[in-house]
Amino acid sequence: MINLIPTKRTLNCNGVNKEVHLLKLNPIHPMEFETVKKLIVERTTLSEFEVGFVLGELSTIIIENLQQGRGVRLENLGTFEPSLKATAMDSAEELNLNTVKKVSIIYKPSPTIKKALKKLKMRINRK
């Protein structure tokens, strides 16, 4: 069950500040690597060392591919793709590495994960 909490925000609409209310996910600490590793060990015949090694190698492979500008598609998880934000210039000659502002990763969930998200159970926590 996902807890949602009412939140108040002030938005600027055409120069006019307007107070609005919306629902926000109640933040929960992310599951740590060690916990994920232990859960996989419990559900498979792999040892803790083997699971740790495989997860470490997966991370390395994803990083290596992103550094080459290549995305990585993991069938049941989704796709990790490199992306960047850059300043637009008037001509191609003005473009240089200084126009790159930020390099990031776009994660696109798999159809399996998208389908699971549609079935989320939620409640509003008004405390």
C-alpha atoms as a PDB file:
ATOM      1  CA  MET A   1       0.000   0.000   0.000  1.00  0.00           C
ATOM      2  CA  ILE A   2       1.385   3.388  -0.988  1.00  0.00           C
ATOM      3  CA  ASN A   3       0.684   6.297   1.333  1.00  0.00           C
ATOM      4  CA  LEU A   4      -0.101   9.623  -0.278  1.00  0.00           C
ATOM      5  CA  ILE A   5       0.007  12.873   1.648  1.00  0.00           C
ATOM      6  CA  PRO A   6      -1.810  16.127   0.821  1.00  0.00           C
ATOM      7  CA  THR A   7       0.635  18.914   0.044  1.00  0.00           C
ATOM      8  CA  LYS A   8       0.183  22.647  -0.466  1.00  0.00           C
ATOM      9  CA  ARG A   9       2.123  24.431  -3.218  1.00  0.00           C
ATOM     10  CA  THR A  10       2.220  27.942  -4.586  1.00  0.00           C
ATOM     11  CA  LEU A  11       2.320  28.066  -8.388  1.00  0.00           C
ATOM     12  CA  ASN A  12       2.974  31.097 -10.538  1.00  0.00           C
ATOM     13  CA  CYS A  13       0.397  31.232 -13.337  1.00  0.00           C
ATOM     14  CA  ASN A  14       0.918  34.146 -15.732  1.00  0.00           C
ATOM     15  CA  GLY A  15       2.508  36.246 -12.998  1.00  0.00           C
ATOM     16  CA  VAL A  16      -0.177  35.440 -10.420  1.00  0.00           C
ATOM     17  CA  ASN A  17       0.693  33.255  -7.437  1.00  0.00           C
ATOM     18  CA  LYS A  18      -1.978  30.664  -6.766  1.00  0.00           C
ATOM     19  CA  GLU A  19      -2.092  28.235  -3.853  1.00  0.00           C
ATOM     20  CA  VAL A  20      -3.013  24.686  -4.898  1.00  0.00           C
ATOM     21  CA  HIS A  21      -3.294  21.328  -3.148  1.00  0.00           C
ATOM     22  CA  LEU A  22      -1.993  18.073  -4.554  1.00  0.00           C
ATOM     23  CA  LEU A  23      -1.114  14.565  -3.477  1.00  0.00           C
ATOM     24  CA  LYS A  24       2.501  13.537  -3.021  1.00  0.00           C
ATOM     25  CA  LEU A  25       4.110  10.174  -2.331  1.00  0.00           C
ATOM     26  CA  ASN A  26       5.037   9.823   1.310  1.00  0.00           C
ATOM     27  CA  PRO A  27       8.821   9.390   1.079  1.00  0.00           C
ATOM     28  CA  ILE A  28      10.158   5.993   2.088  1.00  0.00           C
ATOM     29  CA  HIS A  29      13.847   5.156   2.279  1.00  0.00           C
ATOM     30  CA  PRO A  30      14.956   3.185  -0.792  1.00  0.00           C
ATOM     31  CA  MET A  31      15.865  -0.464  -0.354  1.00  0.00           C
ATOM     32  CA  GLU A  32      19.616  -0.808   0.072  1.00  0.00           C
ATOM     33  CA  PHE A  33      21.932  -3.013  -2.002  1.00  0.00           C
ATOM     34  CA  GLU A  34      22.478  -5.500   0.836  1.00  0.00           C
ATOM     35  CA  THR A  35      18.733  -5.998   1.300  1.00  0.00           C
ATOM     36  CA  VAL A  36      18.188  -6.561  -2.434  1.00  0.00           C
ATOM     37  CA  LYS A  37      21.062  -9.032  -2.445  1.00  0.00           C
ATOM     38  CA  LYS A  38      19.631 -10.972   0.527  1.00  0.00           C
ATOM     39  CA  LEU A  39      16.165 -11.153  -1.067  1.00  0.00           C
ATOM     40  CA  ILE A  40      17.632 -12.564  -4.288  1.00  0.00           C
ATOM     41  CA  VAL A  41      19.627 -15.129  -2.294  1.00  0.00           C
ATOM     42  CA  GLU A  42      16.433 -16.203  -0.497  1.00  0.00           C
ATOM     43  CA  ARG A  43      14.541 -16.618  -3.804  1.00  0.00           C
ATOM     44  CA  THR A  44      17.255 -18.414  -5.786  1.00  0.00           C
ATOM     45  CA  THR A  45      19.926 -21.063  -5.384  1.00  0.00           C
ATOM     46  CA  LEU A  46      22.686 -18.454  -5.757  1.00  0.00           C
ATOM     47  CA  SER A  47      25.070 -17.600  -2.946  1.00  0.00           C
ATOM     48  CA  GLU A  48      25.366 -14.118  -1.467  1.00  0.00           C
ATOM     49  CA  PHE A  49      28.763 -13.760  -3.152  1.00  0.00           C
ATOM     50  CA  GLU A  50      27.374 -14.783  -6.555  1.00  0.00           C
ATOM     51  CA  VAL A  51      24.438 -12.360  -6.340  1.00  0.00           C
ATOM     52  CA  GLY A  52      26.728  -9.520  -5.254  1.00  0.00           C
ATOM     53  CA  PHE A  53      29.116 -10.298  -8.100  1.00  0.00           C
ATOM     54  CA  VAL A  54      26.339 -10.408 -10.722  1.00  0.00           C
ATOM     55  CA  LEU A  55      24.772  -7.145  -9.510  1.00  0.00           C
ATOM     56  CA  GLY A  56      28.184  -5.482  -9.472  1.00  0.00           C
ATOM     57  CA  GLU A  57      28.921  -6.648 -13.017  1.00  0.00           C
ATOM     58  CA  LEU A  58      25.480  -5.487 -14.173  1.00  0.00           C
ATOM     59  CA  SER A  59      26.242  -2.027 -12.824  1.00  0.00           C
ATOM     60  CA  THR A  60      29.638  -2.001 -14.554  1.00  0.00           C
ATOM     61  CA  ILE A  61      28.141  -3.101 -17.892  1.00  0.00           C
ATOM     62  CA  ILE A  62      25.440  -0.422 -17.715  1.00  0.00           C
ATOM     63  CA  ILE A  63      28.053   2.267 -16.928  1.00  0.00           C
ATOM     64  CA  GLU A  64      30.379   1.136 -19.738  1.00  0.00           C
ATOM     65  CA  ASN A  65      27.575   1.269 -22.288  1.00  0.00           C
ATOM     66  CA  LEU A  66      26.235   4.635 -21.102  1.00  0.00           C
ATOM     67  CA  GLN A  67      29.774   6.044 -21.361  1.00  0.00           C
ATOM     68  CA  GLN A  68      29.775   4.974 -25.035  1.00  0.00           C
ATOM     69  CA  GLY A  69      26.430   6.673 -25.630  1.00  0.00           C
ATOM     70  CA  ARG A  70      24.579   3.347 -25.850  1.00  0.00           C
ATOM     71  CA  GLY A  71      21.441   2.502 -23.907  1.00  0.00           C
ATOM     72  CA  VAL A  72      20.930  -0.806 -22.137  1.00  0.00           C
ATOM     73  CA  ARG A  73      17.632  -2.707 -22.315  1.00  0.00           C
ATOM     74  CA  LEU A  74      16.968  -5.248 -19.575  1.00  0.00           C
ATOM     75  CA  GLU A  75      13.885  -7.196 -20.598  1.00  0.00           C
ATOM     76  CA  ASN A  76      11.888  -7.182 -17.357  1.00  0.00           C
ATOM     77  CA  LEU A  77      13.347  -3.986 -15.880  1.00  0.00           C
ATOM     78  CA  GLY A  78      13.405  -1.474 -18.702  1.00  0.00           C
ATOM     79  CA  THR A  79      15.862   0.657 -20.615  1.00  0.00           C
ATOM     80  CA  PHE A  80      18.585   2.975 -19.339  1.00  0.00           C
ATOM     81  CA  GLU A  81      19.559   5.612 -21.916  1.00  0.00           C
ATOM     82  CA  PRO A  82      22.089   8.442 -21.805  1.00  0.00           C
ATOM     83  CA  SER A  83      20.714  11.942 -22.307  1.00  0.00           C
ATOM     84  CA  LEU A  84      22.024  15.477 -22.183  1.00  0.00           C
ATOM     85  CA  LYS A  85      20.823  19.031 -21.842  1.00  0.00           C
ATOM     86  CA  ALA A  86      22.631  21.613 -23.919  1.00  0.00           C
ATOM     87  CA  THR A  87      22.343  25.292 -24.739  1.00  0.00           C
ATOM     88  CA  ALA A  88      20.880  26.045 -28.157  1.00  0.00           C
ATOM     89  CA  MET A  89      23.046  28.165 -30.423  1.00  0.00           C
ATOM     90  CA  ASP A  90      22.285  30.136 -33.602  1.00  0.00           C
ATOM     91  CA  SER A  91      24.705  28.118 -35.736  1.00  0.00           C
ATOM     92  CA  ALA A  92      26.371  24.713 -35.671  1.00  0.00           C
ATOM     93  CA  GLU A  93      29.794  26.402 -35.622  1.00  0.00           C
ATOM     94  CA  GLU A  94      29.016  27.911 -32.194  1.00  0.00           C
ATOM     95  CA  LEU A  95      28.414  24.478 -30.644  1.00  0.00           C
ATOM     96  CA  ASN A  96      31.159  23.170 -28.380  1.00  0.00           C
ATOM     97  CA  LEU A  97      31.510  21.062 -25.254  1.00  0.00           C
ATOM     98  CA  ASN A  98      30.815  24.120 -23.084  1.00  0.00           C
ATOM     99  CA  THR A  99      27.245  24.212 -24.444  1.00  0.00           C
ATOM    100  CA  VAL A 100      26.584  20.848 -22.749  1.00  0.00           C
ATOM    101  CA  LYS A 101      24.966  21.680 -19.404  1.00  0.00           C
ATOM    102  CA  LYS A 102      24.162  18.269 -17.951  1.00  0.00           C
ATOM    103  CA  VAL A 103      24.468  14.597 -18.807  1.00  0.00           C
ATOM    104  CA  SER A 104      21.855  12.323 -17.250  1.00  0.00           C
ATOM    105  CA  ILE A 105      20.144   8.955 -17.552  1.00  0.00           C
ATOM    106  CA  ILE A 106      16.628   8.369 -18.790  1.00  0.00           C
ATOM    107  CA  TYR A 107      14.991   5.258 -17.376  1.00  0.00           C
ATOM    108  CA  LYS A 108      12.089   3.823 -19.365  1.00  0.00           C
ATOM    109  CA  PRO A 109      10.283   1.067 -17.449  1.00  0.00           C
ATOM    110  CA  SER A 110       9.481  -2.219 -19.161  1.00  0.00           C
ATOM    111  CA  PRO A 111       5.866  -3.067 -20.089  1.00  0.00           C
ATOM    112  CA  THR A 112       5.854  -5.476 -17.119  1.00  0.00           C
ATOM    113  CA  ILE A 113       6.713  -2.699 -14.679  1.00  0.00           C
ATOM    114  CA  LYS A 114       4.268  -0.254 -16.312  1.00  0.00           C
ATOM    115  CA  LYS A 115       1.497  -2.822 -15.974  1.00  0.00           C
ATOM    116  CA  ALA A 116       2.367  -3.410 -12.298  1.00  0.00           C
ATOM    117  CA  LEU A 117       2.273   0.347 -11.600  1.00  0.00           C
ATOM    118  CA  LYS A 118      -1.295   0.518 -12.910  1.00  0.00           C
ATOM    119  CA  LYS A 119      -2.305  -1.945 -10.190  1.00  0.00           C
ATOM    120  CA  LEU A 120      -0.868   0.034  -7.267  1.00  0.00           C
ATOM    121  CA  LYS A 121      -2.957   0.231  -4.147  1.00  0.00           C
ATOM    122  CA  MET A 122      -2.962   3.697  -2.630  1.00  0.00           C
ATOM    123  CA  ARG A 123      -4.491   5.543   0.300  1.00  0.00           C
ATOM    124  CA  ILE A 124      -4.429   9.130   1.465  1.00  0.00           C
ATOM    125  CA  ASN A 125      -2.761   9.696   4.801  1.00  0.00           C
ATOM    126  CA  ARG A 126      -4.239  12.933   6.189  1.00  0.00           C
ATOM    127  CA  LYS A 127      -2.277  12.919   9.481  1.00  0.00           C
END
